[in-house]
Amino acid sequence: MGGFPGGTYAGVLPPQPPQPPPYASPPAAPPRNRTPKSVWAISGSAVVLAVAAVVMGVLAWTRPDPAPVTTTVTPSAPVYSAEEVSAARDEACAASKSVVSAVYEASVPLVAALPNRDSPEFKAALANEQAVVLVEMEYLRLHTPPATPREIADPMGDYIDATYAVLSADTSGQDRNLPAQQGQTAMDKVHAACQK
């Protein structure tokens, strides 16, 4: 029989894994410390504050807004010196003379062309009147300072409104006579007040 020398039948076993080291028992837990009372007091205070904050937030959110307070301040009318009033009167009166002259000169060709609103002459005269009126009315507004006496400033405003109404009537093909008369009446009041 062969196979193994010396005629012995001994089998070779694979190497054995090393023996595990004996396990030590886990270390004993240290004795449990009691939580100090101060930690409980601080935690309790934090919870109480959090609850109070939530309650206050809900109350503030649900409370209606207070009624708004409205304070009305009435400004006093400005007081102008006699020199300021006199200078404003002179400026407004000079401006009114200049404006009336320019608007009249722009209206003459337009009135002459009124019978034929489709003519090139009427259209050119209308364009000129529109430009002159817009410029002159703004000039009149700028040269009527706040210190201008009411007996001049008020009819001056009426004249401006009436002149714009004349321009609107001319542009839309309407009758211009009524607003033109209103403008003339207003300017007569201005001239009368300027003579005082």
N, C-alpha and C. Protein backbone atom coordinates (compact mmCIF):
# COMPACT_ATOMS: atom_id res chain seq x y z
N MET A 1 0.82 -1.13 0.00
CA MET A 1 0.00 0.00 0.00
C MET A 1 0.87 1.21 0.00
N GLY A 2 0.68 1.84 -0.60
CA GLY A 2 1.59 2.92 -0.76
C GLY A 2 0.94 4.24 -0.51
N GLY A 3 1.64 5.12 -0.60
CA GLY A 3 1.15 6.47 -0.46
C GLY A 3 1.85 7.22 0.62
N PHE A 4 1.93 6.68 1.77
CA PHE A 4 2.57 7.39 2.86
C PHE A 4 3.83 6.65 3.24
N PRO A 5 4.91 7.28 3.48
CA PRO A 5 6.12 6.57 3.84
C PRO A 5 5.97 5.91 5.21
N GLY A 6 6.58 4.87 5.28
CA GLY A 6 6.59 4.11 6.53
C GLY A 6 5.32 3.38 6.76
N GLY A 7 4.48 3.33 5.91
CA GLY A 7 3.26 2.57 6.00
C GLY A 7 2.29 3.07 7.01
N THR A 8 2.36 4.26 7.38
CA THR A 8 1.38 4.75 8.34
C THR A 8 0.30 5.51 7.60
N TYR A 9 -0.78 5.38 8.17
CA TYR A 9 -1.92 6.10 7.56
C TYR A 9 -2.29 7.27 8.45
N ALA A 10 -1.58 8.22 8.41
CA ALA A 10 -1.92 9.38 9.23
C ALA A 10 -2.31 10.50 8.28
N GLY A 11 -3.36 11.10 8.56
CA GLY A 11 -3.81 12.19 7.70
C GLY A 11 -3.28 13.53 8.21
N VAL A 12 -3.05 14.40 7.29
CA VAL A 12 -2.59 15.73 7.65
C VAL A 12 -3.82 16.64 7.64
N LEU A 13 -4.01 17.24 8.74
CA LEU A 13 -5.16 18.13 8.87
C LEU A 13 -4.72 19.56 8.55
N PRO A 14 -5.63 20.31 8.00
CA PRO A 14 -5.27 21.69 7.75
C PRO A 14 -5.02 22.41 9.07
N PRO A 15 -4.28 23.48 9.00
CA PRO A 15 -3.97 24.16 10.25
C PRO A 15 -5.25 24.68 10.90
N GLN A 16 -5.28 24.67 12.15
CA GLN A 16 -6.43 25.11 12.94
C GLN A 16 -6.35 26.62 13.14
N PRO A 17 -7.49 27.27 13.08
CA PRO A 17 -7.45 28.70 13.35
C PRO A 17 -7.04 28.91 14.80
N PRO A 18 -6.43 30.05 15.04
CA PRO A 18 -6.01 30.28 16.41
C PRO A 18 -7.24 30.39 17.31
N GLN A 19 -7.04 30.00 18.50
CA GLN A 19 -8.13 30.04 19.47
C GLN A 19 -8.43 31.49 19.81
N PRO A 20 -9.71 31.87 19.79
CA PRO A 20 -10.03 33.25 20.13
C PRO A 20 -9.64 33.53 21.57
N PRO A 21 -9.23 34.77 21.76
CA PRO A 21 -8.88 35.10 23.13
C PRO A 21 -10.14 35.09 23.97
N PRO A 22 -10.00 34.73 25.14
CA PRO A 22 -11.19 34.72 25.98
C PRO A 22 -11.70 36.16 26.16
N TYR A 23 -12.99 36.30 26.01
CA TYR A 23 -13.60 37.63 26.12
C TYR A 23 -13.74 38.01 27.58
N ALA A 24 -13.40 39.29 27.75
CA ALA A 24 -13.55 39.80 29.11
C ALA A 24 -14.96 40.36 29.22
N SER A 25 -15.50 40.30 30.34
CA SER A 25 -16.84 40.84 30.53
C SER A 25 -16.76 42.37 30.45
N PRO A 26 -17.83 43.00 29.96
CA PRO A 26 -17.79 44.45 29.83
C PRO A 26 -17.54 45.09 31.19
N PRO A 27 -16.92 46.27 31.11
CA PRO A 27 -16.65 46.92 32.39
C PRO A 27 -17.96 47.33 33.04
N ALA A 28 -17.93 47.35 34.27
CA ALA A 28 -19.13 47.72 35.02
C ALA A 28 -19.39 49.21 34.81
N ALA A 29 -20.65 49.57 34.59
CA ALA A 29 -21.02 50.97 34.38
C ALA A 29 -20.74 51.74 35.65
N PRO A 30 -20.25 52.97 35.43
CA PRO A 30 -20.02 53.76 36.63
C PRO A 30 -21.36 54.05 37.29
N PRO A 31 -21.36 54.31 38.50
CA PRO A 31 -22.64 54.57 39.15
C PRO A 31 -23.27 55.82 38.53
N ARG A 32 -24.53 55.75 38.30
CA ARG A 32 -25.27 56.82 37.64
C ARG A 32 -25.39 58.01 38.56
N ASN A 33 -24.99 59.19 37.97
CA ASN A 33 -25.09 60.42 38.77
C ASN A 33 -26.49 60.98 38.60
N ARG A 34 -27.02 61.52 39.59
CA ARG A 34 -28.31 62.17 39.51
C ARG A 34 -28.14 63.54 38.89
N THR A 35 -29.12 63.92 38.03
CA THR A 35 -29.08 65.22 37.41
C THR A 35 -29.25 66.27 38.50
N PRO A 36 -28.37 67.27 38.47
CA PRO A 36 -28.49 68.28 39.53
C PRO A 36 -29.81 69.04 39.41
N LYS A 37 -30.29 69.54 40.50
CA LYS A 37 -31.56 70.28 40.54
C LYS A 37 -31.47 71.56 39.72
N SER A 38 -30.30 72.15 39.61
CA SER A 38 -30.17 73.39 38.85
C SER A 38 -30.46 73.16 37.37
N VAL A 39 -30.09 71.98 36.82
CA VAL A 39 -30.38 71.68 35.42
C VAL A 39 -31.88 71.59 35.22
N TRP A 40 -32.56 70.95 36.16
CA TRP A 40 -34.02 70.85 36.05
C TRP A 40 -34.67 72.23 36.16
N ALA A 41 -34.14 73.08 36.99
CA ALA A 41 -34.71 74.42 37.15
C ALA A 41 -34.51 75.25 35.88
N ILE A 42 -33.32 75.17 35.29
CA ILE A 42 -33.05 75.92 34.06
C ILE A 42 -33.92 75.40 32.91
N SER A 43 -34.03 74.07 32.80
CA SER A 43 -34.86 73.49 31.73
C SER A 43 -36.32 73.88 31.91
N GLY A 44 -36.79 73.83 33.11
CA GLY A 44 -38.18 74.21 33.38
C GLY A 44 -38.43 75.68 33.06
N SER A 45 -37.47 76.53 33.41
CA SER A 45 -37.61 77.96 33.10
C SER A 45 -37.65 78.19 31.59
N ALA A 46 -36.81 77.47 30.83
CA ALA A 46 -36.79 77.61 29.38
C ALA A 46 -38.12 77.20 28.78
N VAL A 47 -38.70 76.12 29.27
CA VAL A 47 -40.00 75.66 28.76
C VAL A 47 -41.08 76.69 29.09
N VAL A 48 -41.07 77.23 30.29
CA VAL A 48 -42.06 78.23 30.68
C VAL A 48 -41.93 79.47 29.80
N LEU A 49 -40.69 79.92 29.54
CA LEU A 49 -40.49 81.08 28.68
C LEU A 49 -40.95 80.81 27.25
N ALA A 50 -40.69 79.61 26.74
CA ALA A 50 -41.12 79.27 25.38
C ALA A 50 -42.65 79.29 25.28
N VAL A 51 -43.31 78.72 26.27
CA VAL A 51 -44.78 78.71 26.26
C VAL A 51 -45.31 80.14 26.37
N ALA A 52 -44.69 80.96 27.20
CA ALA A 52 -45.13 82.35 27.34
C ALA A 52 -44.94 83.11 26.03
N ALA A 53 -43.83 82.86 25.33
CA ALA A 53 -43.59 83.53 24.04
C ALA A 53 -44.64 83.13 23.02
N VAL A 54 -45.00 81.86 22.97
CA VAL A 54 -46.02 81.41 22.03
C VAL A 54 -47.36 82.06 22.36
N VAL A 55 -47.72 82.11 23.64
CA VAL A 55 -48.99 82.72 24.04
C VAL A 55 -49.01 84.20 23.69
N MET A 56 -47.92 84.92 23.96
CA MET A 56 -47.87 86.35 23.63
C MET A 56 -47.94 86.56 22.12
N GLY A 57 -47.28 85.72 21.35
CA GLY A 57 -47.33 85.83 19.89
C GLY A 57 -48.74 85.64 19.37
N VAL A 58 -49.45 84.65 19.90
CA VAL A 58 -50.83 84.41 19.47
C VAL A 58 -51.71 85.59 19.85
N LEU A 59 -51.54 86.12 21.05
CA LEU A 59 -52.35 87.27 21.46
C LEU A 59 -52.07 88.49 20.59
N ALA A 60 -50.80 88.73 20.29
CA ALA A 60 -50.46 89.88 19.45
C ALA A 60 -50.98 89.71 18.04
N TRP A 61 -50.98 88.50 17.55
CA TRP A 61 -51.42 88.23 16.18
C TRP A 61 -52.93 88.40 16.04
N THR A 62 -53.67 88.02 17.08
CA THR A 62 -55.13 88.06 17.00
C THR A 62 -55.71 89.39 17.46
N ARG A 63 -54.93 90.23 18.10
CA ARG A 63 -55.43 91.52 18.58
C ARG A 63 -55.63 92.47 17.40
N PRO A 64 -56.74 93.19 17.32
CA PRO A 64 -56.94 94.13 16.20
C PRO A 64 -55.97 95.30 16.30
N ASP A 65 -55.65 95.84 15.14
CA ASP A 65 -54.76 97.00 15.08
C ASP A 65 -55.46 98.20 15.69
N PRO A 66 -54.72 99.08 16.33
CA PRO A 66 -55.35 100.28 16.88
C PRO A 66 -55.82 101.19 15.74
N ALA A 67 -56.83 101.96 16.02
CA ALA A 67 -57.36 102.88 15.01
C ALA A 67 -56.28 103.91 14.66
N PRO A 68 -56.15 104.21 13.36
CA PRO A 68 -55.13 105.19 12.97
C PRO A 68 -55.49 106.58 13.49
N VAL A 69 -54.48 107.31 13.84
CA VAL A 69 -54.68 108.67 14.33
C VAL A 69 -54.41 109.62 13.16
N THR A 70 -55.39 110.43 12.86
CA THR A 70 -55.26 111.39 11.76
C THR A 70 -55.15 112.78 12.35
N THR A 71 -54.09 113.44 11.97
CA THR A 71 -53.89 114.81 12.42
C THR A 71 -53.97 115.72 11.21
N THR A 72 -54.89 116.63 11.24
CA THR A 72 -55.06 117.56 10.13
C THR A 72 -54.42 118.89 10.51
N VAL A 73 -53.47 119.27 9.69
CA VAL A 73 -52.80 120.55 9.92
C VAL A 73 -53.20 121.47 8.78
N THR A 74 -53.80 122.56 9.12
CA THR A 74 -54.21 123.53 8.11
C THR A 74 -53.12 124.59 8.01
N PRO A 75 -52.49 124.65 6.84
CA PRO A 75 -51.43 125.65 6.71
C PRO A 75 -52.03 127.05 6.68
N SER A 76 -51.31 127.94 7.27
CA SER A 76 -51.80 129.32 7.25
C SER A 76 -51.46 129.93 5.89
N ALA A 77 -52.26 130.87 5.50
CA ALA A 77 -52.03 131.54 4.22
C ALA A 77 -50.72 132.31 4.30
N PRO A 78 -49.92 132.23 3.25
CA PRO A 78 -48.66 132.96 3.30
C PRO A 78 -48.91 134.47 3.35
N VAL A 79 -48.05 135.13 4.03
CA VAL A 79 -48.16 136.58 4.15
C VAL A 79 -47.03 137.19 3.34
N TYR A 80 -47.40 138.06 2.42
CA TYR A 80 -46.41 138.70 1.55
C TYR A 80 -46.27 140.17 1.94
N SER A 81 -45.08 140.65 1.79
CA SER A 81 -44.84 142.06 2.09
C SER A 81 -45.46 142.92 0.98
N ALA A 82 -45.60 144.20 1.27
CA ALA A 82 -46.16 145.13 0.28
C ALA A 82 -45.28 145.19 -0.96
N GLU A 83 -43.98 145.07 -0.77
CA GLU A 83 -43.06 145.08 -1.92
C GLU A 83 -43.26 143.85 -2.80
N GLU A 84 -43.44 142.68 -2.15
CA GLU A 84 -43.65 141.44 -2.92
C GLU A 84 -44.96 141.51 -3.70
N VAL A 85 -46.00 142.01 -3.07
CA VAL A 85 -47.30 142.13 -3.74
C VAL A 85 -47.20 143.10 -4.91
N SER A 86 -46.53 144.21 -4.70
CA SER A 86 -46.39 145.20 -5.77
C SER A 86 -45.58 144.64 -6.94
N ALA A 87 -44.50 143.93 -6.65
CA ALA A 87 -43.68 143.33 -7.71
C ALA A 87 -44.47 142.27 -8.47
N ALA A 88 -45.24 141.46 -7.74
CA ALA A 88 -46.06 140.42 -8.39
C ALA A 88 -47.14 141.05 -9.26
N ARG A 89 -47.75 142.12 -8.76
CA ARG A 89 -48.79 142.82 -9.53
C ARG A 89 -48.18 143.36 -10.83
N ASP A 90 -47.03 144.01 -10.74
CA ASP A 90 -46.39 144.57 -11.93
C ASP A 90 -46.02 143.48 -12.94
N GLU A 91 -45.48 142.37 -12.42
CA GLU A 91 -45.09 141.26 -13.31
C GLU A 91 -46.30 140.66 -14.02
N ALA A 92 -47.37 140.41 -13.27
CA ALA A 92 -48.58 139.81 -13.86
C ALA A 92 -49.23 140.76 -14.87
N CYS A 93 -49.28 142.05 -14.55
CA CYS A 93 -49.90 143.01 -15.47
C CYS A 93 -49.11 143.14 -16.76
N ALA A 94 -47.78 143.18 -16.65
CA ALA A 94 -46.95 143.26 -17.86
C ALA A 94 -47.11 141.99 -18.70
N ALA A 95 -47.15 140.84 -18.04
CA ALA A 95 -47.31 139.57 -18.76
C ALA A 95 -48.66 139.52 -19.47
N SER A 96 -49.71 140.03 -18.82
CA SER A 96 -51.04 139.97 -19.43
C SER A 96 -51.10 140.79 -20.71
N LYS A 97 -50.46 141.97 -20.71
CA LYS A 97 -50.46 142.79 -21.93
C LYS A 97 -49.73 142.09 -23.06
N SER A 98 -48.60 141.51 -22.75
CA SER A 98 -47.80 140.80 -23.75
C SER A 98 -48.56 139.60 -24.32
N VAL A 99 -49.18 138.84 -23.45
CA VAL A 99 -49.89 137.62 -23.86
C VAL A 99 -51.11 137.96 -24.71
N VAL A 100 -51.89 138.93 -24.28
CA VAL A 100 -53.10 139.30 -25.04
C VAL A 100 -52.72 139.72 -26.45
N SER A 101 -51.66 140.47 -26.57
CA SER A 101 -51.22 140.92 -27.90
C SER A 101 -50.82 139.74 -28.78
N ALA A 102 -50.04 138.80 -28.23
CA ALA A 102 -49.58 137.64 -29.02
C ALA A 102 -50.74 136.74 -29.42
N VAL A 103 -51.68 136.50 -28.50
CA VAL A 103 -52.82 135.63 -28.81
C VAL A 103 -53.72 136.29 -29.85
N TYR A 104 -53.91 137.60 -29.73
CA TYR A 104 -54.74 138.32 -30.71
C TYR A 104 -54.11 138.22 -32.11
N GLU A 105 -52.81 138.44 -32.20
CA GLU A 105 -52.13 138.37 -33.50
C GLU A 105 -52.22 136.98 -34.11
N ALA A 106 -52.21 135.94 -33.27
CA ALA A 106 -52.32 134.57 -33.79
C ALA A 106 -53.75 134.23 -34.19
N SER A 107 -54.74 134.90 -33.58
CA SER A 107 -56.14 134.59 -33.87
C SER A 107 -56.67 135.29 -35.12
N VAL A 108 -56.12 136.43 -35.48
CA VAL A 108 -56.64 137.20 -36.63
C VAL A 108 -56.62 136.37 -37.91
N PRO A 109 -55.52 135.72 -38.30
CA PRO A 109 -55.54 134.92 -39.53
C PRO A 109 -56.50 133.73 -39.43
N LEU A 110 -56.64 133.19 -38.24
CA LEU A 110 -57.55 132.04 -38.07
C LEU A 110 -58.99 132.48 -38.27
N VAL A 111 -59.39 133.58 -37.67
CA VAL A 111 -60.76 134.07 -37.82
C VAL A 111 -61.04 134.42 -39.28
N ALA A 112 -60.05 134.96 -39.97
CA ALA A 112 -60.23 135.30 -41.39
C ALA A 112 -60.45 134.05 -42.23
N ALA A 113 -59.86 132.93 -41.83
CA ALA A 113 -59.98 131.68 -42.61
C ALA A 113 -61.13 130.80 -42.13
N LEU A 114 -61.89 131.23 -41.11
CA LEU A 114 -62.97 130.40 -40.55
C LEU A 114 -64.02 129.94 -41.56
N PRO A 115 -64.41 130.73 -42.53
CA PRO A 115 -65.46 130.24 -43.43
C PRO A 115 -65.08 128.92 -44.12
N ASN A 116 -63.82 128.66 -44.33
CA ASN A 116 -63.41 127.43 -45.02
C ASN A 116 -62.40 126.69 -44.14
N ARG A 117 -62.93 125.84 -43.26
CA ARG A 117 -62.08 125.10 -42.32
C ARG A 117 -61.20 124.05 -43.00
N ASP A 118 -61.49 123.72 -44.25
CA ASP A 118 -60.68 122.72 -44.96
C ASP A 118 -59.55 123.35 -45.76
N SER A 119 -59.48 124.66 -45.78
CA SER A 119 -58.46 125.32 -46.60
C SER A 119 -57.08 125.18 -45.95
N PRO A 120 -56.03 125.21 -46.76
CA PRO A 120 -54.68 125.17 -46.21
C PRO A 120 -54.38 126.39 -45.33
N GLU A 121 -55.00 127.52 -45.65
CA GLU A 121 -54.78 128.73 -44.85
C GLU A 121 -55.31 128.54 -43.43
N PHE A 122 -56.52 127.93 -43.33
CA PHE A 122 -57.11 127.69 -42.00
C PHE A 122 -56.23 126.73 -41.21
N LYS A 123 -55.79 125.65 -41.85
CA LYS A 123 -54.97 124.66 -41.14
C LYS A 123 -53.65 125.26 -40.66
N ALA A 124 -53.04 126.10 -41.49
CA ALA A 124 -51.79 126.76 -41.09
C ALA A 124 -52.05 127.75 -39.95
N ALA A 125 -53.15 128.50 -40.05
CA ALA A 125 -53.48 129.47 -39.00
C ALA A 125 -53.83 128.76 -37.70
N LEU A 126 -54.51 127.61 -37.79
CA LEU A 126 -54.85 126.84 -36.59
C LEU A 126 -53.59 126.30 -35.92
N ALA A 127 -52.68 125.76 -36.71
CA ALA A 127 -51.42 125.25 -36.14
C ALA A 127 -50.65 126.37 -35.45
N ASN A 128 -50.63 127.54 -36.07
CA ASN A 128 -49.94 128.68 -35.46
C ASN A 128 -50.63 129.11 -34.17
N GLU A 129 -51.96 129.18 -34.20
CA GLU A 129 -52.69 129.59 -33.00
C GLU A 129 -52.45 128.58 -31.87
N GLN A 130 -52.47 127.29 -32.18
CA GLN A 130 -52.25 126.28 -31.15
C GLN A 130 -50.88 126.47 -30.49
N ALA A 131 -49.86 126.66 -31.31
CA ALA A 131 -48.51 126.84 -30.76
C ALA A 131 -48.43 128.11 -29.90
N VAL A 132 -48.98 129.20 -30.41
CA VAL A 132 -48.91 130.47 -29.69
C VAL A 132 -49.67 130.38 -28.37
N VAL A 133 -50.88 129.83 -28.41
CA VAL A 133 -51.69 129.76 -27.19
C VAL A 133 -51.00 128.90 -26.13
N LEU A 134 -50.48 127.76 -26.52
CA LEU A 134 -49.83 126.89 -25.53
C LEU A 134 -48.63 127.58 -24.88
N VAL A 135 -47.83 128.22 -25.70
CA VAL A 135 -46.65 128.91 -25.15
C VAL A 135 -47.05 130.11 -24.30
N GLU A 136 -47.97 130.91 -24.78
CA GLU A 136 -48.34 132.14 -24.07
C GLU A 136 -49.09 131.85 -22.77
N MET A 137 -49.92 130.82 -22.74
CA MET A 137 -50.63 130.51 -21.50
C MET A 137 -49.65 130.03 -20.42
N GLU A 138 -48.66 129.26 -20.84
CA GLU A 138 -47.65 128.83 -19.87
C GLU A 138 -46.84 130.03 -19.38
N TYR A 139 -46.52 130.92 -20.29
CA TYR A 139 -45.81 132.15 -19.91
C TYR A 139 -46.62 132.94 -18.89
N LEU A 140 -47.93 133.03 -19.14
CA LEU A 140 -48.80 133.78 -18.23
C LEU A 140 -48.84 133.11 -16.85
N ARG A 141 -48.91 131.79 -16.81
CA ARG A 141 -48.90 131.08 -15.52
C ARG A 141 -47.59 131.34 -14.77
N LEU A 142 -46.48 131.27 -15.49
CA LEU A 142 -45.18 131.46 -14.85
C LEU A 142 -44.99 132.89 -14.34
N HIS A 143 -45.65 133.84 -14.97
CA HIS A 143 -45.49 135.24 -14.58
C HIS A 143 -46.67 135.76 -13.77
N THR A 144 -47.37 134.85 -13.12
CA THR A 144 -48.39 135.23 -12.15
C THR A 144 -47.94 134.61 -10.82
N PRO A 145 -47.04 135.28 -10.10
CA PRO A 145 -46.49 134.72 -8.87
C PRO A 145 -47.55 134.55 -7.78
N PRO A 146 -47.25 133.74 -6.76
CA PRO A 146 -48.21 133.54 -5.68
C PRO A 146 -48.60 134.82 -4.95
N ALA A 147 -47.73 135.81 -4.95
CA ALA A 147 -48.04 137.07 -4.25
C ALA A 147 -48.96 137.99 -5.06
N THR A 148 -49.34 137.57 -6.27
CA THR A 148 -50.23 138.39 -7.10
C THR A 148 -51.57 138.56 -6.40
N PRO A 149 -52.08 139.78 -6.31
CA PRO A 149 -53.38 139.99 -5.65
C PRO A 149 -54.49 139.16 -6.33
N ARG A 150 -55.44 138.72 -5.53
CA ARG A 150 -56.53 137.86 -6.02
C ARG A 150 -57.34 138.55 -7.11
N GLU A 151 -57.51 139.87 -7.02
CA GLU A 151 -58.32 140.57 -8.04
C GLU A 151 -57.65 140.54 -9.41
N ILE A 152 -56.38 140.16 -9.46
CA ILE A 152 -55.69 139.98 -10.75
C ILE A 152 -55.52 138.49 -11.05
N ALA A 153 -55.09 137.72 -10.05
CA ALA A 153 -54.78 136.30 -10.27
C ALA A 153 -56.02 135.49 -10.64
N ASP A 154 -57.15 135.74 -9.99
CA ASP A 154 -58.35 134.95 -10.28
C ASP A 154 -58.86 135.16 -11.71
N PRO A 155 -59.06 136.42 -12.17
CA PRO A 155 -59.50 136.58 -13.56
C PRO A 155 -58.42 136.13 -14.56
N MET A 156 -57.15 136.17 -14.14
CA MET A 156 -56.08 135.68 -15.01
C MET A 156 -56.26 134.17 -15.23
N GLY A 157 -56.60 133.44 -14.18
CA GLY A 157 -56.88 132.00 -14.32
C GLY A 157 -58.10 131.76 -15.19
N ASP A 158 -59.14 132.62 -15.05
CA ASP A 158 -60.33 132.50 -15.90
C ASP A 158 -59.98 132.76 -17.37
N TYR A 159 -59.10 133.73 -17.60
CA TYR A 159 -58.67 134.03 -18.98
C TYR A 159 -57.94 132.82 -19.58
N ILE A 160 -57.07 132.22 -18.81
CA ILE A 160 -56.32 131.04 -19.31
C ILE A 160 -57.29 129.92 -19.67
N ASP A 161 -58.24 129.65 -18.77
CA ASP A 161 -59.23 128.58 -19.03
C ASP A 161 -60.05 128.89 -20.28
N ALA A 162 -60.51 130.14 -20.41
CA ALA A 162 -61.33 130.52 -21.57
C ALA A 162 -60.52 130.44 -22.86
N THR A 163 -59.25 130.81 -22.81
CA THR A 163 -58.42 130.76 -24.01
C THR A 163 -58.20 129.32 -24.45
N TYR A 164 -58.01 128.42 -23.49
CA TYR A 164 -57.90 127.00 -23.84
C TYR A 164 -59.22 126.49 -24.43
N ALA A 165 -60.35 126.99 -23.93
CA ALA A 165 -61.65 126.60 -24.48
C ALA A 165 -61.81 127.10 -25.92
N VAL A 166 -61.32 128.30 -26.21
CA VAL A 166 -61.35 128.82 -27.59
C VAL A 166 -60.50 127.92 -28.48
N LEU A 167 -59.32 127.57 -28.01
CA LEU A 167 -58.42 126.70 -28.79
C LEU A 167 -59.07 125.34 -29.05
N SER A 168 -59.73 124.81 -28.04
CA SER A 168 -60.42 123.53 -28.20
C SER A 168 -61.55 123.64 -29.22
N ALA A 169 -62.30 124.73 -29.15
CA ALA A 169 -63.40 124.94 -30.11
C ALA A 169 -62.85 125.07 -31.53
N ASP A 170 -61.78 125.82 -31.70
CA ASP A 170 -61.18 125.98 -33.03
C ASP A 170 -60.67 124.64 -33.57
N THR A 171 -60.08 123.85 -32.71
CA THR A 171 -59.51 122.56 -33.13
C THR A 171 -60.60 121.56 -33.49
N SER A 172 -61.70 121.58 -32.75
CA SER A 172 -62.77 120.59 -32.99
C SER A 172 -63.87 121.10 -33.90
N GLY A 173 -63.75 122.31 -34.43
CA GLY A 173 -64.75 122.83 -35.36
C GLY A 173 -66.00 123.33 -34.69
N GLN A 174 -65.91 123.69 -33.41
CA GLN A 174 -67.07 124.20 -32.66
C GLN A 174 -67.08 125.73 -32.71
N ASP A 175 -68.17 126.29 -32.18
CA ASP A 175 -68.30 127.76 -32.14
C ASP A 175 -67.38 128.31 -31.05
N ARG A 176 -66.59 129.30 -31.37
CA ARG A 176 -65.61 129.87 -30.45
C ARG A 176 -66.10 131.12 -29.75
N ASN A 177 -67.30 131.61 -30.09
CA ASN A 177 -67.73 132.92 -29.61
C ASN A 177 -67.91 132.99 -28.09
N LEU A 178 -68.58 132.00 -27.48
CA LEU A 178 -68.83 132.07 -26.04
C LEU A 178 -67.52 132.04 -25.24
N PRO A 179 -66.62 131.07 -25.47
CA PRO A 179 -65.38 131.13 -24.68
C PRO A 179 -64.53 132.37 -24.99
N ALA A 180 -64.61 132.88 -26.23
CA ALA A 180 -63.86 134.10 -26.55
C ALA A 180 -64.40 135.28 -25.76
N GLN A 181 -65.74 135.37 -25.61
CA GLN A 181 -66.34 136.45 -24.81
C GLN A 181 -65.96 136.31 -23.33
N GLN A 182 -65.95 135.06 -22.83
CA GLN A 182 -65.56 134.83 -21.44
C GLN A 182 -64.10 135.25 -21.20
N GLY A 183 -63.25 134.94 -22.17
CA GLY A 183 -61.85 135.34 -22.06
C GLY A 183 -61.69 136.85 -22.07
N GLN A 184 -62.47 137.51 -22.93
CA GLN A 184 -62.39 138.98 -23.01
C GLN A 184 -62.86 139.61 -21.70
N THR A 185 -63.96 139.07 -21.13
CA THR A 185 -64.47 139.59 -19.85
C THR A 185 -63.43 139.43 -18.74
N ALA A 186 -62.80 138.25 -18.70
CA ALA A 186 -61.79 138.00 -17.67
C ALA A 186 -60.60 138.95 -17.83
N MET A 187 -60.16 139.16 -19.06
CA MET A 187 -59.01 140.04 -19.27
C MET A 187 -59.36 141.50 -19.00
N ASP A 188 -60.63 141.89 -19.24
CA ASP A 188 -61.05 143.25 -18.89
C ASP A 188 -60.93 143.46 -17.37
N LYS A 189 -61.27 142.44 -16.58
CA LYS A 189 -61.14 142.53 -15.12
C LYS A 189 -59.67 142.66 -14.72
N VAL A 190 -58.80 141.92 -15.42
CA VAL A 190 -57.36 142.01 -15.12
C VAL A 190 -56.86 143.42 -15.40
N HIS A 191 -57.21 143.95 -16.58
CA HIS A 191 -56.74 145.29 -16.94
C HIS A 191 -57.28 146.35 -15.98
N ALA A 192 -58.54 146.20 -15.57
CA ALA A 192 -59.11 147.17 -14.62
C ALA A 192 -58.37 147.10 -13.28
N ALA A 193 -58.05 145.89 -12.83
CA ALA A 193 -57.33 145.76 -11.55
C ALA A 193 -55.90 146.27 -11.67
N CYS A 194 -55.32 146.13 -12.84
CA CYS A 194 -53.95 146.62 -13.04
C CYS A 194 -53.90 148.15 -13.07
N GLN A 195 -55.02 148.81 -13.38
CA GLN A 195 -55.06 150.27 -13.45
C GLN A 195 -55.14 150.90 -12.06
N LYS A 196 -55.52 150.14 -11.07
CA LYS A 196 -55.70 150.69 -9.70
C LYS A 196 -54.38 151.04 -9.09
